[in-house]
Amino acid sequence: MATVFSGKAEAADAARESEIDPLHAKIGQLVVERDFMRRASGR
């Protein structure tokens, strides 16, 4: 019975991993933009 549910858990983990990479990329982009705007505003 446990093997039935473990396959679903592994699929859910793989789906989460595929969502994490684009989110990390977006965070990095926003940090760069924030730093650029901070420097451009003279702060």
Protein backbone atom coordinates (compact mmCIF):
# COMPACT_ATOMS: atom_id res chain seq x y z
CA MET A 1 0.00 0.00 0.00
CA ALA A 2 2.84 2.39 0.78
CA THR A 3 4.33 1.96 -2.67
CA VAL A 4 1.14 3.26 -4.25
CA PHE A 5 1.41 6.57 -2.43
CA SER A 6 5.17 6.94 -2.70
CA GLY A 7 4.92 7.27 -6.49
CA LYS A 8 2.54 10.19 -6.12
CA ALA A 9 4.82 11.86 -3.60
CA GLU A 10 7.80 11.55 -5.96
CA ALA A 11 5.78 13.06 -8.81
CA ALA A 12 4.71 15.96 -6.59
CA ASP A 13 8.33 16.58 -5.56
CA ALA A 14 9.41 16.62 -9.21
CA ALA A 15 6.66 19.12 -10.04
CA ARG A 16 7.78 21.38 -7.18
CA GLU A 17 11.39 21.21 -8.33
CA SER A 18 10.39 22.28 -11.84
CA GLU A 19 8.61 25.32 -10.38
CA ILE A 20 11.50 26.35 -8.13
CA ASP A 21 14.07 27.07 -10.87
CA PRO A 22 11.99 29.74 -12.67
CA LEU A 23 11.12 31.34 -9.33
CA HIS A 24 14.80 31.56 -8.36
CA ALA A 25 15.54 33.13 -11.74
CA LYS A 26 12.78 35.69 -11.24
CA ILE A 27 14.06 36.55 -7.76
CA GLY A 28 17.54 37.10 -9.16
CA GLN A 29 16.18 39.34 -11.92
CA LEU A 30 14.20 41.42 -9.43
CA VAL A 31 17.24 41.83 -7.16
CA VAL A 32 19.33 43.07 -10.09
CA GLU A 33 16.59 45.51 -11.12
CA ARG A 34 16.21 46.76 -7.55
CA ASP A 35 19.95 47.35 -7.21
CA PHE A 36 20.05 49.14 -10.57
CA MET A 37 17.17 51.42 -9.63
CA ARG A 38 18.72 52.14 -6.24
CA ARG A 39 21.99 53.21 -7.88
CA ALA A 40 20.20 55.20 -10.59
CA SER A 41 18.17 57.15 -8.02
CA GLY A 42 21.33 58.32 -6.26
CA ARG A 43 20.83 56.53 -2.96
